[in-house]
């Protein structure tokens, strides 16, 4: 599953630089995660780094974007190839 940022985001700026896939960016009001780039840090780390650093715990799994570990690994590999 991709992750997403809830309205509880306080725009503290700590999650964006932690994302190894450049999936996090500033949206209209709060930070947002591009689900096509989010691998939950599969291929990079054992745990999602944005969740690790978020002080308000506002980055849950997106139940609308269910992905297996294999799918996340495939997405990671595609991103590494530049696609």
PDB file of N, CA and C in Angstrom:
ATOM      1  N   UNK A   1       0.831  -1.184   0.000  1.00  0.00           N
ATOM      2  CA  UNK A   1       0.000   0.000   0.000  1.00  0.00           C
ATOM      3  C   UNK A   1       0.873   1.243   0.000  1.00  0.00           C
ATOM      4  N   UNK A   2       0.443   2.200  -0.700  1.00  0.00           N
ATOM      5  CA  UNK A   2       1.096   3.498  -0.605  1.00  0.00           C
ATOM      6  C   UNK A   2       0.683   4.128   0.722  1.00  0.00           C
ATOM      7  N   UNK A   3       1.431   5.085   1.137  1.00  0.00           N
ATOM      8  CA  UNK A   3       1.096   5.845   2.335  1.00  0.00           C
ATOM      9  C   UNK A   3       0.422   7.140   1.904  1.00  0.00           C
ATOM     10  N   UNK A   4      -0.240   7.788   2.834  1.00  0.00           N
ATOM     11  CA  UNK A   4      -0.790   9.108   2.549  1.00  0.00           C
ATOM     12  C   UNK A   4      -0.701   9.956   3.810  1.00  0.00           C
ATOM     13  N   UNK A   5      -0.810  11.246   3.647  1.00  0.00           N
ATOM     14  CA  UNK A   5      -0.697  12.184   4.759  1.00  0.00           C
ATOM     15  C   UNK A   5      -2.081  12.739   5.059  1.00  0.00           C
ATOM     16  N   UNK A   6      -2.478  12.645   6.320  1.00  0.00           N
ATOM     17  CA  UNK A   6      -3.816  13.099   6.728  1.00  0.00           C
ATOM     18  C   UNK A   6      -3.819  14.606   6.994  1.00  0.00           C
ATOM     19  N   UNK A   7      -5.006  15.118   7.236  1.00  0.00           N
ATOM     20  CA  UNK A   7      -5.179  16.539   7.539  1.00  0.00           C
ATOM     21  C   UNK A   7      -4.559  16.936   8.875  1.00  0.00           C
ATOM     22  N   UNK A   8      -4.102  15.967   9.650  1.00  0.00           N
ATOM     23  CA  UNK A   8      -3.438  16.266  10.920  1.00  0.00           C
ATOM     24  C   UNK A   8      -2.012  16.790  10.711  1.00  0.00           C
ATOM     25  N   UNK A   9      -1.538  16.784   9.480  1.00  0.00           N
ATOM     26  CA  UNK A   9      -0.184  17.259   9.156  1.00  0.00           C
ATOM     27  C   UNK A   9       0.000  18.697   9.654  1.00  0.00           C
ATOM     28  N   UNK A  10       1.140  18.939  10.293  1.00  0.00           N
ATOM     29  CA  UNK A  10       1.443  20.280  10.812  1.00  0.00           C
ATOM     30  C   UNK A  10       2.510  20.994   9.970  1.00  0.00           C
ATOM     31  N   UNK A  11       2.826  20.432   8.796  1.00  0.00           N
ATOM     32  CA  UNK A  11       3.808  21.036   7.891  1.00  0.00           C
ATOM     33  C   UNK A  11       5.156  21.277   8.573  1.00  0.00           C
ATOM     34  N   UNK A  12       5.606  20.292   9.303  1.00  0.00           N
ATOM     35  CA  UNK A  12       6.864  20.453  10.045  1.00  0.00           C
ATOM     36  C   UNK A  12       8.095  20.267   9.159  1.00  0.00           C
ATOM     37  N   UNK A  13       7.901  19.793   7.949  1.00  0.00           N
ATOM     38  CA  UNK A  13       8.975  19.658   6.959  1.00  0.00           C
ATOM     39  C   UNK A  13       9.953  18.508   7.212  1.00  0.00           C
ATOM     40  N   UNK A  14       9.687  17.604   8.145  1.00  0.00           N
ATOM     41  CA  UNK A  14      10.671  16.548   8.404  1.00  0.00           C
ATOM     42  C   UNK A  14      10.507  15.334   7.499  1.00  0.00           C
ATOM     43  N   UNK A  15       9.329  15.100   6.961  1.00  0.00           N
ATOM     44  CA  UNK A  15       9.123  13.897   6.153  1.00  0.00           C
ATOM     45  C   UNK A  15       9.718  14.001   4.748  1.00  0.00           C
ATOM     46  N   UNK A  16       9.586  15.141   4.126  1.00  0.00           N
ATOM     47  CA  UNK A  16       9.997  15.289   2.722  1.00  0.00           C
ATOM     48  C   UNK A  16      11.444  14.872   2.475  1.00  0.00           C
ATOM     49  N   UNK A  17      12.416  15.359   3.228  1.00  0.00           N
ATOM     50  CA  UNK A  17      13.802  14.971   2.937  1.00  0.00           C
ATOM     51  C   UNK A  17      14.116  13.511   3.275  1.00  0.00           C
ATOM     52  N   UNK A  18      13.262  12.854   4.046  1.00  0.00           N
ATOM     53  CA  UNK A  18      13.503  11.460   4.414  1.00  0.00           C
ATOM     54  C   UNK A  18      13.090  10.474   3.335  1.00  0.00           C
ATOM     55  N   UNK A  19      12.268  10.891   2.394  1.00  0.00           N
ATOM     56  CA  UNK A  19      11.738   9.981   1.373  1.00  0.00           C
ATOM     57  C   UNK A  19      12.790   9.691   0.303  1.00  0.00           C
ATOM     58  N   UNK A  20      13.229   8.435   0.195  1.00  0.00           N
ATOM     59  CA  UNK A  20      14.251   8.101  -0.792  1.00  0.00           C
ATOM     60  C   UNK A  20      13.731   8.086  -2.232  1.00  0.00           C
ATOM     61  N   UNK A  21      12.415   8.109  -2.402  1.00  0.00           N
ATOM     62  CA  UNK A  21      11.828   8.068  -3.741  1.00  0.00           C
ATOM     63  C   UNK A  21      11.288   9.418  -4.206  1.00  0.00           C
ATOM     64  N   UNK A  22      11.540  10.467  -3.439  1.00  0.00           N
ATOM     65  CA  UNK A  22      11.025  11.802  -3.770  1.00  0.00           C
ATOM     66  C   UNK A  22       9.517  11.772  -4.000  1.00  0.00           C
ATOM     67  N   UNK A  23       8.804  10.997  -3.172  1.00  0.00           N
ATOM     68  CA  UNK A  23       7.358  10.875  -3.309  1.00  0.00           C
ATOM     69  C   UNK A  23       6.599  11.940  -2.532  1.00  0.00           C
ATOM     70  N   UNK A  24       7.276  12.640  -1.632  1.00  0.00           N
ATOM     71  CA  UNK A  24       6.605  13.620  -0.781  1.00  0.00           C
ATOM     72  C   UNK A  24       6.903  15.036  -1.268  1.00  0.00           C
ATOM     73  N   UNK A  25       5.845  15.823  -1.376  1.00  0.00           N
ATOM     74  CA  UNK A  25       6.010  17.217  -1.790  1.00  0.00           C
ATOM     75  C   UNK A  25       4.937  18.057  -1.099  1.00  0.00           C
ATOM     76  N   UNK A  26       5.108  19.351  -1.133  1.00  0.00           N
ATOM     77  CA  UNK A  26       4.128  20.252  -0.542  1.00  0.00           C
ATOM     78  C   UNK A  26       2.922  20.331  -1.460  1.00  0.00           C
ATOM     79  N   UNK A  27       1.749  20.088  -0.902  1.00  0.00           N
ATOM     80  CA  UNK A  27       0.507  20.228  -1.641  1.00  0.00           C
ATOM     81  C   UNK A  27      -0.046  21.629  -1.459  1.00  0.00           C
ATOM     82  N   UNK A  28      -1.334  21.795  -1.690  1.00  0.00           N
ATOM     83  CA  UNK A  28      -1.959  23.105  -1.550  1.00  0.00           C
ATOM     84  C   UNK A  28      -1.905  23.608  -0.113  1.00  0.00           C
ATOM     85  N   UNK A  29      -2.153  22.698   0.846  1.00  0.00           N
ATOM     86  CA  UNK A  29      -2.169  23.110   2.248  1.00  0.00           C
ATOM     87  C   UNK A  29      -1.247  22.292   3.140  1.00  0.00           C
ATOM     88  N   UNK A  30      -1.082  21.016   2.811  1.00  0.00           N
ATOM     89  CA  UNK A  30      -0.228  20.120   3.593  1.00  0.00           C
ATOM     90  C   UNK A  30       0.636  19.315   2.636  1.00  0.00           C
ATOM     91  N   UNK A  31       1.574  18.590   3.195  1.00  0.00           N
ATOM     92  CA  UNK A  31       2.387  17.706   2.367  1.00  0.00           C
ATOM     93  C   UNK A  31       1.530  16.582   1.813  1.00  0.00           C
ATOM     94  N   UNK A  32       1.920  16.083   0.649  1.00  0.00           N
ATOM     95  CA  UNK A  32       1.206  14.985  -0.007  1.00  0.00           C
ATOM     96  C   UNK A  32       2.222  13.941  -0.458  1.00  0.00           C
ATOM     97  N   UNK A  33       1.731  12.722  -0.644  1.00  0.00           N
ATOM     98  CA  UNK A  33       2.570  11.624  -1.110  1.00  0.00           C
ATOM     99  C   UNK A  33       2.054  11.163  -2.461  1.00  0.00           C
ATOM    100  N   UNK A  34       2.946  11.088  -3.437  1.00  0.00           N
ATOM    101  CA  UNK A  34       2.606  10.575  -4.765  1.00  0.00           C
ATOM    102  C   UNK A  34       2.563   9.050  -4.667  1.00  0.00           C
ATOM    103  N   UNK A  35       1.382   8.440  -4.769  1.00  0.00           N
ATOM    104  CA  UNK A  35       1.288   6.987  -4.601  1.00  0.00           C
ATOM    105  C   UNK A  35       2.038   6.193  -5.659  1.00  0.00           C
ATOM    106  N   UNK A  36       2.297   6.813  -6.812  1.00  0.00           N
ATOM    107  CA  UNK A  36       3.048   6.122  -7.855  1.00  0.00           C
ATOM    108  C   UNK A  36       4.543   6.051  -7.550  1.00  0.00           C
ATOM    109  N   UNK A  37       4.991   6.853  -6.593  1.00  0.00           N
ATOM    110  CA  UNK A  37       6.406   6.847  -6.212  1.00  0.00           C
ATOM    111  C   UNK A  37       6.639   6.241  -4.829  1.00  0.00           C
ATOM    112  N   UNK A  38       5.567   6.057  -4.058  1.00  0.00           N
ATOM    113  CA  UNK A  38       5.704   5.543  -2.693  1.00  0.00           C
ATOM    114  C   UNK A  38       5.836   4.022  -2.706  1.00  0.00           C
ATOM    115  N   UNK A  39       6.935   3.531  -2.152  1.00  0.00           N
ATOM    116  CA  UNK A  39       7.158   2.091  -2.017  1.00  0.00           C
ATOM    117  C   UNK A  39       7.186   1.671  -0.553  1.00  0.00           C
ATOM    118  N   UNK A  40       6.768   2.557   0.344  1.00  0.00           N
ATOM    119  CA  UNK A  40       6.881   2.342   1.786  1.00  0.00           C
ATOM    120  C   UNK A  40       8.342   2.078   2.155  1.00  0.00           C
ATOM    121  N   UNK A  41       9.232   2.636   1.377  1.00  0.00           N
ATOM    122  CA  UNK A  41      10.684   2.510   1.539  1.00  0.00           C
ATOM    123  C   UNK A  41      11.205   1.106   1.239  1.00  0.00           C
ATOM    124  N   UNK A  42      10.361   0.228   0.663  1.00  0.00           N
ATOM    125  CA  UNK A  42      10.839  -1.087   0.228  1.00  0.00           C
ATOM    126  C   UNK A  42      11.969  -0.865  -0.774  1.00  0.00           C
ATOM    127  N   UNK A  43      13.044  -1.590  -0.589  1.00  0.00           N
ATOM    128  CA  UNK A  43      14.219  -1.434  -1.441  1.00  0.00           C
ATOM    129  C   UNK A  43      15.250  -0.496  -0.849  1.00  0.00           C
ATOM    130  N   UNK A  44      14.831   0.303   0.119  1.00  0.00           N
ATOM    131  CA  UNK A  44      15.730   1.250   0.759  1.00  0.00           C
ATOM    132  C   UNK A  44      15.904   0.965   2.251  1.00  0.00           C
ATOM    133  N   UNK A  45      14.792   0.830   2.956  1.00  0.00           N
ATOM    134  CA  UNK A  45      14.800   0.665   4.413  1.00  0.00           C
ATOM    135  C   UNK A  45      13.786  -0.395   4.829  1.00  0.00           C
ATOM    136  N   UNK A  46      13.890  -0.830   6.058  1.00  0.00           N
ATOM    137  CA  UNK A  46      12.953  -1.823   6.594  1.00  0.00           C
ATOM    138  C   UNK A  46      11.613  -1.225   6.980  1.00  0.00           C
ATOM    139  N   UNK A  47      11.584   0.065   7.264  1.00  0.00           N
ATOM    140  CA  UNK A  47      10.349   0.738   7.658  1.00  0.00           C
ATOM    141  C   UNK A  47      10.232   2.056   6.897  1.00  0.00           C
ATOM    142  N   UNK A  48       9.009   2.531   6.686  1.00  0.00           N
ATOM    143  CA  UNK A  48       8.819   3.823   6.025  1.00  0.00           C
ATOM    144  C   UNK A  48       9.441   4.949   6.852  1.00  0.00           C
ATOM    145  N   UNK A  49      10.374   5.630   6.273  1.00  0.00           N
ATOM    146  CA  UNK A  49      11.104   6.673   6.991  1.00  0.00           C
ATOM    147  C   UNK A  49      10.239   7.872   7.346  1.00  0.00           C
ATOM    148  N   UNK A  50       9.274   8.204   6.509  1.00  0.00           N
ATOM    149  CA  UNK A  50       8.399   9.332   6.826  1.00  0.00           C
ATOM    150  C   UNK A  50       7.597   9.050   8.089  1.00  0.00           C
ATOM    151  N   UNK A  51       7.134   7.810   8.232  1.00  0.00           N
ATOM    152  CA  UNK A  51       6.398   7.447   9.445  1.00  0.00           C
ATOM    153  C   UNK A  51       7.303   7.512  10.670  1.00  0.00           C
ATOM    154  N   UNK A  52       8.551   7.134  10.504  1.00  0.00           N
ATOM    155  CA  UNK A  52       9.502   7.133  11.624  1.00  0.00           C
ATOM    156  C   UNK A  52       9.731   8.532  12.184  1.00  0.00           C
ATOM    157  N   UNK A  53       9.757   9.539  11.308  1.00  0.00           N
ATOM    158  CA  UNK A  53      10.099  10.890  11.761  1.00  0.00           C
ATOM    159  C   UNK A  53       8.890  11.779  12.037  1.00  0.00           C
ATOM    160  N   UNK A  54       7.711  11.368  11.621  1.00  0.00           N
ATOM    161  CA  UNK A  54       6.520  12.208  11.779  1.00  0.00           C
ATOM    162  C   UNK A  54       6.175  12.394  13.257  1.00  0.00           C
ATOM    163  N   UNK A  55       6.168  13.640  13.733  1.00  0.00           N
ATOM    164  CA  UNK A  55       5.889  13.878  15.147  1.00  0.00           C
ATOM    165  C   UNK A  55       4.405  13.781  15.526  1.00  0.00           C
ATOM    166  N   UNK A  56       3.516  13.794  14.544  1.00  0.00           N
ATOM    167  CA  UNK A  56       2.084  13.740  14.862  1.00  0.00           C
ATOM    168  C   UNK A  56       1.415  12.459  14.354  1.00  0.00           C
ATOM    169  N   UNK A  57       2.205  11.521  13.852  1.00  0.00           N
ATOM    170  CA  UNK A  57       1.693  10.218  13.431  1.00  0.00           C
ATOM    171  C   UNK A  57       0.526  10.360  12.454  1.00  0.00           C
ATOM    172  N   UNK A  58       0.761  11.106  11.374  1.00  0.00           N
ATOM    173  CA  UNK A  58      -0.319  11.382  10.421  1.00  0.00           C
ATOM    174  C   UNK A  58      -0.075  10.755   9.048  1.00  0.00           C
ATOM    175  N   UNK A  59       0.720   9.661   9.002  1.00  0.00           N
ATOM    176  CA  UNK A  59       1.039   9.041   7.719  1.00  0.00           C
ATOM    177  C   UNK A  59       0.683   7.549   7.765  1.00  0.00           C
ATOM    178  N   UNK A  60      -0.609   7.231   7.599  1.00  0.00           N
ATOM    179  CA  UNK A  60      -1.025   5.830   7.612  1.00  0.00           C
ATOM    180  C   UNK A  60      -0.947   5.180   6.231  1.00  0.00           C
ATOM    181  N   UNK A  61      -1.183   3.883   6.201  1.00  0.00           N
ATOM    182  CA  UNK A  61      -1.315   3.167   4.934  1.00  0.00           C
ATOM    183  C   UNK A  61      -2.608   3.603   4.263  1.00  0.00           C
ATOM    184  N   UNK A  62      -2.583   3.678   2.947  1.00  0.00           N
ATOM    185  CA  UNK A  62      -3.763   4.072   2.192  1.00  0.00           C
ATOM    186  C   UNK A  62      -4.554   2.813   1.827  1.00  0.00           C
ATOM    187  N   UNK A  63      -5.698   2.584   2.453  1.00  0.00           N
ATOM    188  CA  UNK A  63      -6.462   1.367   2.168  1.00  0.00           C
ATOM    189  C   UNK A  63      -7.006   1.313   0.740  1.00  0.00           C
ATOM    190  N   UNK A  64      -6.962   2.434   0.045  1.00  0.00           N
ATOM    191  CA  UNK A  64      -7.425   2.476  -1.346  1.00  0.00           C
ATOM    192  C   UNK A  64      -6.332   2.031  -2.315  1.00  0.00           C
ATOM    193  N   UNK A  65      -5.115   1.864  -1.814  1.00  0.00           N
ATOM    194  CA  UNK A  65      -3.969   1.513  -2.671  1.00  0.00           C
ATOM    195  C   UNK A  65      -3.267   0.271  -2.118  1.00  0.00           C
ATOM    196  N   UNK A  66      -3.958  -0.840  -2.100  1.00  0.00           N
ATOM    197  CA  UNK A  66      -3.406  -2.081  -1.571  1.00  0.00           C
ATOM    198  C   UNK A  66      -2.358  -2.631  -2.539  1.00  0.00           C
ATOM    199  N   UNK A  67      -1.146  -2.859  -2.015  1.00  0.00           N
ATOM    200  CA  UNK A  67      -0.055  -3.408  -2.810  1.00  0.00           C
ATOM    201  C   UNK A  67       0.681  -4.457  -1.982  1.00  0.00           C
ATOM    202  N   UNK A  68       1.115  -5.515  -2.637  1.00  0.00           N
ATOM    203  CA  UNK A  68       1.886  -6.548  -1.956  1.00  0.00           C
ATOM    204  C   UNK A  68       3.342  -6.112  -1.856  1.00  0.00           C
ATOM    205  N   UNK A  69       4.091  -6.838  -1.053  1.00  0.00           N
ATOM    206  CA  UNK A  69       5.524  -6.582  -0.939  1.00  0.00           C
ATOM    207  C   UNK A  69       6.199  -6.716  -2.308  1.00  0.00           C
ATOM    208  N   UNK A  70       5.763  -7.704  -3.085  1.00  0.00           N
ATOM    209  CA  UNK A  70       6.326  -7.911  -4.422  1.00  0.00           C
ATOM    210  C   UNK A  70       6.002  -6.737  -5.350  1.00  0.00           C
ATOM    211  N   UNK A  71       4.799  -6.207  -5.255  1.00  0.00           N
ATOM    212  CA  UNK A  71       4.429  -5.054  -6.073  1.00  0.00           C
ATOM    213  C   UNK A  71       5.244  -3.820  -5.677  1.00  0.00           C
ATOM    214  N   UNK A  72       5.444  -3.641  -4.378  1.00  0.00           N
ATOM    215  CA  UNK A  72       6.253  -2.509  -3.911  1.00  0.00           C
ATOM    216  C   UNK A  72       7.687  -2.658  -4.382  1.00  0.00           C
ATOM    217  N   UNK A  73       8.216  -3.884  -4.349  1.00  0.00           N
ATOM    218  CA  UNK A  73       9.573  -4.135  -4.830  1.00  0.00           C
ATOM    219  C   UNK A  73       9.664  -3.842  -6.326  1.00  0.00           C
ATOM    220  N   UNK A  74       8.645  -4.249  -7.079  1.00  0.00           N
ATOM    221  CA  UNK A  74       8.618  -3.963  -8.518  1.00  0.00           C
ATOM    222  C   UNK A  74       8.577  -2.473  -8.801  1.00  0.00           C
ATOM    223  N   UNK A  75       7.810  -1.740  -8.017  1.00  0.00           N
ATOM    224  CA  UNK A  75       7.747  -0.286  -8.175  1.00  0.00           C
ATOM    225  C   UNK A  75       9.105   0.333  -7.870  1.00  0.00           C
ATOM    226  N   UNK A  76       9.752  -0.152  -6.800  1.00  0.00           N
ATOM    227  CA  UNK A  76      11.096   0.324  -6.443  1.00  0.00           C
ATOM    228  C   UNK A  76      12.047   0.100  -7.620  1.00  0.00           C
ATOM    229  N   UNK A  77      12.044  -1.101  -8.185  1.00  0.00           N
ATOM    230  CA  UNK A  77      12.949  -1.420  -9.295  1.00  0.00           C
ATOM    231  C   UNK A  77      12.683  -0.539 -10.506  1.00  0.00           C
ATOM    232  N   UNK A  78      11.427  -0.290 -10.804  1.00  0.00           N
ATOM    233  CA  UNK A  78      11.078   0.584 -11.928  1.00  0.00           C
ATOM    234  C   UNK A  78      11.573   2.006 -11.679  1.00  0.00           C
ATOM    235  N   UNK A  79      11.399   2.497 -10.455  1.00  0.00           N
ATOM    236  CA  UNK A  79      11.885   3.839 -10.121  1.00  0.00           C
ATOM    237  C   UNK A  79      13.397   3.928 -10.242  1.00  0.00           C
ATOM    238  N   UNK A  80      14.096   2.865  -9.889  1.00  0.00           N
ATOM    239  CA  UNK A  80      15.551   2.850  -9.974  1.00  0.00           C
ATOM    240  C   UNK A  80      16.036   2.903 -11.420  1.00  0.00           C
ATOM    241  N   UNK A  81      15.225   2.361 -12.308  1.00  0.00           N
ATOM    242  CA  UNK A  81      15.546   2.370 -13.740  1.00  0.00           C
ATOM    243  C   UNK A  81      15.242   3.721 -14.368  1.00  0.00           C
ATOM    244  N   UNK A  82      14.602   4.592 -13.616  1.00  0.00           N
ATOM    245  CA  UNK A  82      14.268   5.909 -14.140  1.00  0.00           C
ATOM    246  C   UNK A  82      12.862   5.992 -14.685  1.00  0.00           C
ATOM    247  N   UNK A  83      12.055   4.978 -14.436  1.00  0.00           N
ATOM    248  CA  UNK A  83      10.694   4.973 -14.973  1.00  0.00           C
ATOM    249  C   UNK A  83       9.747   5.219 -13.933  1.00  0.00           C
TER     250      UNK A  83
END
